[in-house]
Amino acid sequence: MLKRKGFTLIELLVVMAIILILAGLLTPGLFKAKTQAGKVSCANNMKQIGTALELYAGKNNDSYPSSLSALSVDNDIDDIAVISCPVSASVYGSFTTPSSTMASNSKVLECTATGHGTGAAITLYKGGYVKIK
């Protein structure tokens, strides 16, 4: 009679326990990576908005749009989704209409969505400079 070799119940439980422990160790790292990717995507959108604002001003005698939606009407932004934050359903807040006399360190737009993590904010300054806090 042939004896069949296979896993015993104990061996199977040990393998499953090892897999669960490894999955538990990887989960926080994956969450951090996803949060960081959301920040980078949001910062990229902010940079595009800053460039579009400068393009708009260049075409309109150094006058800036009164709202972000004017950028898509004037075809400076092709995709309206750039204006909405990728890590939350909210829209960017606290838009300050720039002026030609504004300093380059003046805050134009800020995104403080909760999807960035605790206390994170992404800020666009006049001239297209983006800062992630």
N, C-alpha and C. Protein backbone atom coordinates (compact mmCIF):
# COMPACT_ATOMS: atom_id res chain seq x y z
N MET A 1 0.83 -1.16 0.00
CA MET A 1 0.00 0.00 0.00
C MET A 1 0.89 1.25 0.00
N LEU A 2 0.54 2.20 -0.83
CA LEU A 2 1.29 3.45 -0.95
C LEU A 2 0.84 4.45 0.10
N LYS A 3 1.83 5.09 0.70
CA LYS A 3 1.49 6.16 1.63
C LYS A 3 1.54 7.47 0.86
N ARG A 4 0.50 8.23 1.00
CA ARG A 4 0.45 9.54 0.34
C ARG A 4 1.01 10.59 1.28
N LYS A 5 1.92 11.38 0.74
CA LYS A 5 2.49 12.46 1.54
C LYS A 5 1.67 13.71 1.27
N GLY A 6 1.44 14.43 2.32
CA GLY A 6 0.68 15.68 2.20
C GLY A 6 0.90 16.51 3.45
N PHE A 7 0.23 17.64 3.49
CA PHE A 7 0.33 18.51 4.65
C PHE A 7 -0.55 17.98 5.77
N THR A 8 -0.02 18.07 6.95
CA THR A 8 -0.85 17.77 8.11
C THR A 8 -1.59 19.05 8.48
N LEU A 9 -2.54 18.93 9.34
CA LEU A 9 -3.33 20.08 9.77
C LEU A 9 -2.43 21.11 10.46
N ILE A 10 -1.50 20.66 11.26
CA ILE A 10 -0.60 21.57 11.97
C ILE A 10 0.26 22.34 10.99
N GLU A 11 0.82 21.67 10.01
CA GLU A 11 1.65 22.33 9.01
C GLU A 11 0.86 23.39 8.24
N LEU A 12 -0.34 23.05 7.89
CA LEU A 12 -1.20 23.98 7.16
C LEU A 12 -1.50 25.22 8.02
N LEU A 13 -1.78 25.02 9.29
CA LEU A 13 -2.07 26.14 10.19
C LEU A 13 -0.84 27.03 10.38
N VAL A 14 0.34 26.43 10.44
CA VAL A 14 1.58 27.21 10.59
C VAL A 14 1.82 28.06 9.34
N VAL A 15 1.64 27.50 8.18
CA VAL A 15 1.81 28.26 6.94
C VAL A 15 0.82 29.40 6.86
N MET A 16 -0.43 29.14 7.22
CA MET A 16 -1.44 30.20 7.21
C MET A 16 -1.10 31.30 8.21
N ALA A 17 -0.59 30.94 9.37
CA ALA A 17 -0.21 31.93 10.38
C ALA A 17 0.94 32.80 9.87
N ILE A 18 1.90 32.21 9.21
CA ILE A 18 3.03 32.97 8.65
C ILE A 18 2.54 33.95 7.59
N ILE A 19 1.64 33.50 6.73
CA ILE A 19 1.09 34.37 5.68
C ILE A 19 0.33 35.53 6.30
N LEU A 20 -0.45 35.28 7.33
CA LEU A 20 -1.21 36.34 7.99
C LEU A 20 -0.28 37.35 8.68
N ILE A 21 0.78 36.87 9.29
CA ILE A 21 1.73 37.78 9.93
C ILE A 21 2.41 38.67 8.89
N LEU A 22 2.83 38.09 7.77
CA LEU A 22 3.46 38.88 6.72
C LEU A 22 2.49 39.91 6.13
N ALA A 23 1.25 39.52 5.94
CA ALA A 23 0.24 40.46 5.43
C ALA A 23 0.03 41.61 6.42
N GLY A 24 0.03 41.29 7.70
CA GLY A 24 -0.12 42.33 8.72
C GLY A 24 1.04 43.30 8.75
N LEU A 25 2.24 42.81 8.45
CA LEU A 25 3.41 43.68 8.41
C LEU A 25 3.42 44.58 7.18
N LEU A 26 2.88 44.13 6.07
CA LEU A 26 2.89 44.89 4.84
C LEU A 26 1.78 45.94 4.75
N THR A 27 0.68 45.74 5.45
CA THR A 27 -0.48 46.63 5.33
C THR A 27 -0.17 48.08 5.66
N PRO A 28 0.51 48.42 6.75
CA PRO A 28 0.80 49.84 7.02
C PRO A 28 1.67 50.49 5.94
N GLY A 29 2.60 49.75 5.40
CA GLY A 29 3.45 50.27 4.33
C GLY A 29 2.67 50.57 3.07
N LEU A 30 1.72 49.71 2.75
CA LEU A 30 0.88 49.95 1.57
C LEU A 30 0.00 51.17 1.77
N PHE A 31 -0.52 51.36 2.99
CA PHE A 31 -1.36 52.51 3.28
C PHE A 31 -0.56 53.81 3.15
N LYS A 32 0.69 53.80 3.66
CA LYS A 32 1.55 54.98 3.55
C LYS A 32 1.85 55.30 2.09
N ALA A 33 2.10 54.28 1.30
CA ALA A 33 2.40 54.48 -0.12
C ALA A 33 1.20 55.07 -0.85
N LYS A 34 0.01 54.59 -0.51
CA LYS A 34 -1.20 55.10 -1.15
C LYS A 34 -1.44 56.56 -0.76
N THR A 35 -1.21 56.90 0.49
CA THR A 35 -1.37 58.28 0.96
C THR A 35 -0.36 59.19 0.26
N GLN A 36 0.88 58.75 0.16
CA GLN A 36 1.91 59.55 -0.51
C GLN A 36 1.59 59.73 -1.99
N ALA A 37 1.08 58.70 -2.63
CA ALA A 37 0.70 58.80 -4.04
C ALA A 37 -0.42 59.82 -4.22
N GLY A 38 -1.36 59.87 -3.29
CA GLY A 38 -2.43 60.87 -3.35
C GLY A 38 -1.88 62.28 -3.22
N LYS A 39 -0.90 62.47 -2.34
CA LYS A 39 -0.27 63.79 -2.17
C LYS A 39 0.43 64.22 -3.45
N VAL A 40 1.18 63.32 -4.03
CA VAL A 40 1.93 63.64 -5.24
C VAL A 40 0.98 63.95 -6.39
N SER A 41 -0.08 63.19 -6.52
CA SER A 41 -1.07 63.44 -7.56
C SER A 41 -1.73 64.80 -7.37
N CYS A 42 -2.05 65.14 -6.14
CA CYS A 42 -2.65 66.43 -5.83
C CYS A 42 -1.67 67.56 -6.12
N ALA A 43 -0.41 67.39 -5.76
CA ALA A 43 0.61 68.41 -6.02
C ALA A 43 0.80 68.60 -7.52
N ASN A 44 0.73 67.52 -8.28
CA ASN A 44 0.84 67.60 -9.73
C ASN A 44 -0.32 68.41 -10.30
N ASN A 45 -1.53 68.16 -9.80
CA ASN A 45 -2.68 68.94 -10.25
C ASN A 45 -2.51 70.42 -9.91
N MET A 46 -1.99 70.69 -8.71
CA MET A 46 -1.77 72.08 -8.30
C MET A 46 -0.77 72.76 -9.24
N LYS A 47 0.29 72.05 -9.62
CA LYS A 47 1.29 72.60 -10.53
C LYS A 47 0.65 72.91 -11.88
N GLN A 48 -0.22 72.02 -12.36
CA GLN A 48 -0.91 72.26 -13.63
C GLN A 48 -1.82 73.48 -13.53
N ILE A 49 -2.49 73.63 -12.40
CA ILE A 49 -3.37 74.78 -12.20
C ILE A 49 -2.53 76.07 -12.19
N GLY A 50 -1.37 76.04 -11.52
CA GLY A 50 -0.49 77.20 -11.50
C GLY A 50 -0.01 77.59 -12.88
N THR A 51 0.35 76.60 -13.68
CA THR A 51 0.78 76.86 -15.06
C THR A 51 -0.37 77.43 -15.88
N ALA A 52 -1.56 76.86 -15.70
CA ALA A 52 -2.73 77.35 -16.44
C ALA A 52 -3.07 78.79 -16.05
N LEU A 53 -2.92 79.13 -14.76
CA LEU A 53 -3.18 80.51 -14.33
C LEU A 53 -2.23 81.48 -15.02
N GLU A 54 -0.96 81.10 -15.10
CA GLU A 54 0.02 81.96 -15.76
C GLU A 54 -0.24 82.07 -17.26
N LEU A 55 -0.66 80.96 -17.89
CA LEU A 55 -1.01 81.00 -19.31
C LEU A 55 -2.21 81.93 -19.55
N TYR A 56 -3.20 81.80 -18.68
CA TYR A 56 -4.40 82.64 -18.78
C TYR A 56 -4.01 84.11 -18.67
N ALA A 57 -3.18 84.43 -17.69
CA ALA A 57 -2.76 85.82 -17.49
C ALA A 57 -1.96 86.33 -18.69
N GLY A 58 -1.13 85.48 -19.25
CA GLY A 58 -0.35 85.87 -20.42
C GLY A 58 -1.21 86.20 -21.62
N LYS A 59 -2.33 85.49 -21.77
CA LYS A 59 -3.23 85.73 -22.90
C LYS A 59 -4.21 86.88 -22.64
N ASN A 60 -4.34 87.30 -21.37
CA ASN A 60 -5.35 88.29 -21.02
C ASN A 60 -4.76 89.54 -20.34
N ASN A 61 -3.67 90.05 -20.88
CA ASN A 61 -3.05 91.29 -20.40
C ASN A 61 -2.77 91.28 -18.90
N ASP A 62 -2.17 90.22 -18.41
CA ASP A 62 -1.80 90.06 -17.00
C ASP A 62 -2.98 90.11 -16.03
N SER A 63 -4.16 89.81 -16.51
CA SER A 63 -5.30 89.69 -15.59
C SER A 63 -5.60 88.20 -15.40
N TYR A 64 -5.86 87.83 -14.16
CA TYR A 64 -6.07 86.43 -13.81
C TYR A 64 -7.57 86.14 -13.76
N PRO A 65 -7.95 84.86 -13.88
CA PRO A 65 -9.38 84.51 -13.83
C PRO A 65 -9.95 84.69 -12.43
N SER A 66 -11.23 84.96 -12.37
CA SER A 66 -11.88 85.14 -11.06
C SER A 66 -12.21 83.80 -10.42
N SER A 67 -12.23 82.73 -11.20
CA SER A 67 -12.50 81.40 -10.66
C SER A 67 -11.71 80.36 -11.45
N LEU A 68 -11.55 79.19 -10.86
CA LEU A 68 -10.81 78.13 -11.53
C LEU A 68 -11.56 77.58 -12.74
N SER A 69 -12.87 77.66 -12.72
CA SER A 69 -13.65 77.14 -13.85
C SER A 69 -13.36 77.92 -15.13
N ALA A 70 -12.91 79.16 -15.02
CA ALA A 70 -12.57 79.95 -16.21
C ALA A 70 -11.39 79.34 -16.96
N LEU A 71 -10.56 78.57 -16.27
CA LEU A 71 -9.40 77.95 -16.92
C LEU A 71 -9.83 76.90 -17.93
N SER A 72 -10.89 76.16 -17.62
CA SER A 72 -11.35 75.14 -18.56
C SER A 72 -12.14 75.77 -19.71
N VAL A 73 -12.82 76.89 -19.45
CA VAL A 73 -13.57 77.59 -20.50
C VAL A 73 -12.59 78.16 -21.53
N ASP A 74 -11.46 78.67 -21.04
CA ASP A 74 -10.45 79.28 -21.90
C ASP A 74 -9.48 78.24 -22.49
N ASN A 75 -9.73 76.96 -22.24
CA ASN A 75 -8.91 75.83 -22.73
C ASN A 75 -7.47 75.86 -22.23
N ASP A 76 -7.22 76.46 -21.07
CA ASP A 76 -5.89 76.38 -20.47
C ASP A 76 -5.73 75.07 -19.71
N ILE A 77 -6.84 74.48 -19.28
CA ILE A 77 -6.85 73.14 -18.68
C ILE A 77 -7.79 72.29 -19.53
N ASP A 78 -7.26 71.20 -20.06
CA ASP A 78 -8.07 70.34 -20.93
C ASP A 78 -9.07 69.50 -20.16
N ASP A 79 -8.66 69.05 -18.98
CA ASP A 79 -9.48 68.12 -18.21
C ASP A 79 -9.95 68.80 -16.93
N ILE A 80 -11.24 68.97 -16.77
CA ILE A 80 -11.81 69.64 -15.59
C ILE A 80 -11.51 68.84 -14.32
N ALA A 81 -11.19 67.55 -14.45
CA ALA A 81 -10.87 66.72 -13.28
C ALA A 81 -9.61 67.18 -12.57
N VAL A 82 -8.75 67.95 -13.24
CA VAL A 82 -7.53 68.47 -12.62
C VAL A 82 -7.89 69.39 -11.47
N ILE A 83 -9.04 70.05 -11.57
CA ILE A 83 -9.44 71.02 -10.55
C ILE A 83 -9.97 70.32 -9.30
N SER A 84 -10.43 69.08 -9.43
CA SER A 84 -10.93 68.39 -8.24
C SER A 84 -9.83 67.52 -7.65
N CYS A 85 -9.80 67.48 -6.34
CA CYS A 85 -8.74 66.79 -5.61
C CYS A 85 -8.85 65.28 -5.81
N PRO A 86 -7.73 64.60 -6.12
CA PRO A 86 -7.81 63.16 -6.39
C PRO A 86 -7.97 62.29 -5.15
N VAL A 87 -7.70 62.82 -3.96
CA VAL A 87 -7.76 61.97 -2.78
C VAL A 87 -9.04 62.16 -1.99
N SER A 88 -9.92 62.98 -2.45
CA SER A 88 -11.21 63.13 -1.78
C SER A 88 -12.22 63.63 -2.79
N ALA A 89 -13.47 63.62 -2.42
CA ALA A 89 -14.52 64.08 -3.31
C ALA A 89 -14.67 65.59 -3.28
N SER A 90 -13.95 66.25 -2.37
CA SER A 90 -14.09 67.70 -2.24
C SER A 90 -13.34 68.43 -3.34
N VAL A 91 -13.68 69.67 -3.52
CA VAL A 91 -13.01 70.53 -4.49
C VAL A 91 -12.02 71.41 -3.73
N TYR A 92 -10.95 71.81 -4.39
CA TYR A 92 -9.98 72.68 -3.75
C TYR A 92 -10.67 73.91 -3.17
N GLY A 93 -10.18 74.35 -2.02
CA GLY A 93 -10.80 75.50 -1.37
C GLY A 93 -9.86 76.68 -1.27
N SER A 94 -10.36 77.75 -0.80
CA SER A 94 -9.65 78.99 -0.52
C SER A 94 -8.86 79.52 -1.72
N PHE A 95 -9.53 79.61 -2.88
CA PHE A 95 -8.89 80.17 -4.06
C PHE A 95 -8.83 81.68 -3.91
N THR A 96 -7.63 82.24 -4.03
CA THR A 96 -7.42 83.68 -3.98
C THR A 96 -7.06 84.14 -5.39
N THR A 97 -7.86 84.98 -5.96
CA THR A 97 -7.59 85.45 -7.32
C THR A 97 -6.27 86.22 -7.32
N PRO A 98 -5.29 85.73 -8.09
CA PRO A 98 -4.01 86.43 -8.12
C PRO A 98 -4.12 87.77 -8.86
N SER A 99 -3.15 88.61 -8.66
CA SER A 99 -3.06 89.85 -9.42
C SER A 99 -1.62 90.02 -9.90
N SER A 100 -1.41 90.88 -10.86
CA SER A 100 -0.07 91.05 -11.41
C SER A 100 0.87 91.70 -10.39
N THR A 101 0.32 92.34 -9.35
CA THR A 101 1.17 92.99 -8.35
C THR A 101 1.46 92.09 -7.15
N MET A 102 0.88 90.89 -7.14
CA MET A 102 1.07 89.96 -6.03
C MET A 102 2.50 89.43 -5.99
N ALA A 103 3.02 89.22 -4.81
CA ALA A 103 4.36 88.63 -4.65
C ALA A 103 4.32 87.15 -5.00
N SER A 104 5.46 86.60 -5.39
CA SER A 104 5.50 85.20 -5.79
C SER A 104 5.33 84.25 -4.61
N ASN A 105 5.43 84.75 -3.37
CA ASN A 105 5.22 83.89 -2.21
C ASN A 105 3.80 84.04 -1.65
N SER A 106 2.89 84.60 -2.44
CA SER A 106 1.50 84.76 -2.03
C SER A 106 0.72 83.48 -2.32
N LYS A 107 -0.04 83.03 -1.34
CA LYS A 107 -0.83 81.81 -1.47
C LYS A 107 -2.01 82.05 -2.41
N VAL A 108 -2.17 81.17 -3.40
CA VAL A 108 -3.26 81.28 -4.36
C VAL A 108 -4.33 80.23 -4.10
N LEU A 109 -3.90 79.01 -3.81
CA LEU A 109 -4.83 77.90 -3.68
C LEU A 109 -4.29 76.90 -2.66
N GLU A 110 -5.17 76.27 -1.91
CA GLU A 110 -4.75 75.30 -0.91
C GLU A 110 -5.69 74.10 -0.94
N CYS A 111 -5.11 72.92 -0.76
CA CYS A 111 -5.89 71.69 -0.66
C CYS A 111 -5.56 71.04 0.68
N THR A 112 -6.54 70.93 1.54
CA THR A 112 -6.31 70.33 2.86
C THR A 112 -7.22 69.11 3.04
N ALA A 113 -7.32 68.31 2.02
CA ALA A 113 -8.18 67.13 2.08
C ALA A 113 -7.67 66.14 3.12
N THR A 114 -8.58 65.46 3.78
CA THR A 114 -8.22 64.50 4.81
C THR A 114 -7.51 63.28 4.23
N GLY A 115 -7.64 63.04 2.96
CA GLY A 115 -6.99 61.90 2.33
C GLY A 115 -5.49 62.00 2.27
N HIS A 116 -4.93 63.20 2.52
CA HIS A 116 -3.47 63.37 2.51
C HIS A 116 -2.84 62.83 3.77
N GLY A 117 -3.59 62.59 4.79
CA GLY A 117 -3.04 62.20 6.07
C GLY A 117 -3.28 63.32 7.07
N THR A 118 -2.91 63.11 8.28
CA THR A 118 -3.20 64.09 9.32
C THR A 118 -2.35 65.33 9.15
N GLY A 119 -3.02 66.47 9.11
CA GLY A 119 -2.34 67.75 9.08
C GLY A 119 -1.65 68.10 7.77
N ALA A 120 -1.80 67.30 6.73
CA ALA A 120 -1.12 67.59 5.47
C ALA A 120 -1.91 68.61 4.67
N ALA A 121 -1.19 69.52 4.04
CA ALA A 121 -1.80 70.51 3.16
C ALA A 121 -0.88 70.73 1.97
N ILE A 122 -1.48 70.97 0.83
CA ILE A 122 -0.72 71.25 -0.38
C ILE A 122 -1.12 72.65 -0.82
N THR A 123 -0.13 73.51 -1.00
CA THR A 123 -0.38 74.91 -1.28
C THR A 123 0.25 75.32 -2.59
N LEU A 124 -0.50 76.09 -3.39
CA LEU A 124 0.00 76.66 -4.64
C LEU A 124 0.24 78.14 -4.42
N TYR A 125 1.44 78.60 -4.79
CA TYR A 125 1.78 80.01 -4.68
C TYR A 125 1.81 80.62 -6.08
N LYS A 126 1.68 81.94 -6.13
CA LYS A 126 1.69 82.63 -7.42
C LYS A 126 2.99 82.29 -8.16
N GLY A 127 2.87 82.04 -9.43
CA GLY A 127 4.03 81.66 -10.23
C GLY A 127 4.15 80.16 -10.41
N GLY A 128 3.32 79.37 -9.72
CA GLY A 128 3.30 77.93 -9.90
C GLY A 128 4.08 77.13 -8.89
N TYR A 129 4.63 77.75 -7.86
CA TYR A 129 5.38 77.02 -6.83
C TYR A 129 4.40 76.25 -5.95
N VAL A 130 4.66 74.96 -5.75
CA VAL A 130 3.79 74.09 -4.95
C VAL A 130 4.58 73.58 -3.75
N LYS A 131 3.93 73.62 -2.59
CA LYS A 131 4.59 73.14 -1.36
C LYS A 131 3.69 72.12 -0.67
N ILE A 132 4.27 70.99 -0.29
CA ILE A 132 3.54 69.95 0.44
C ILE A 132 4.00 70.03 1.90
N LYS A 133 3.04 70.21 2.81
CA LYS A 133 3.37 70.25 4.24
C LYS A 133 3.04 68.92 4.85
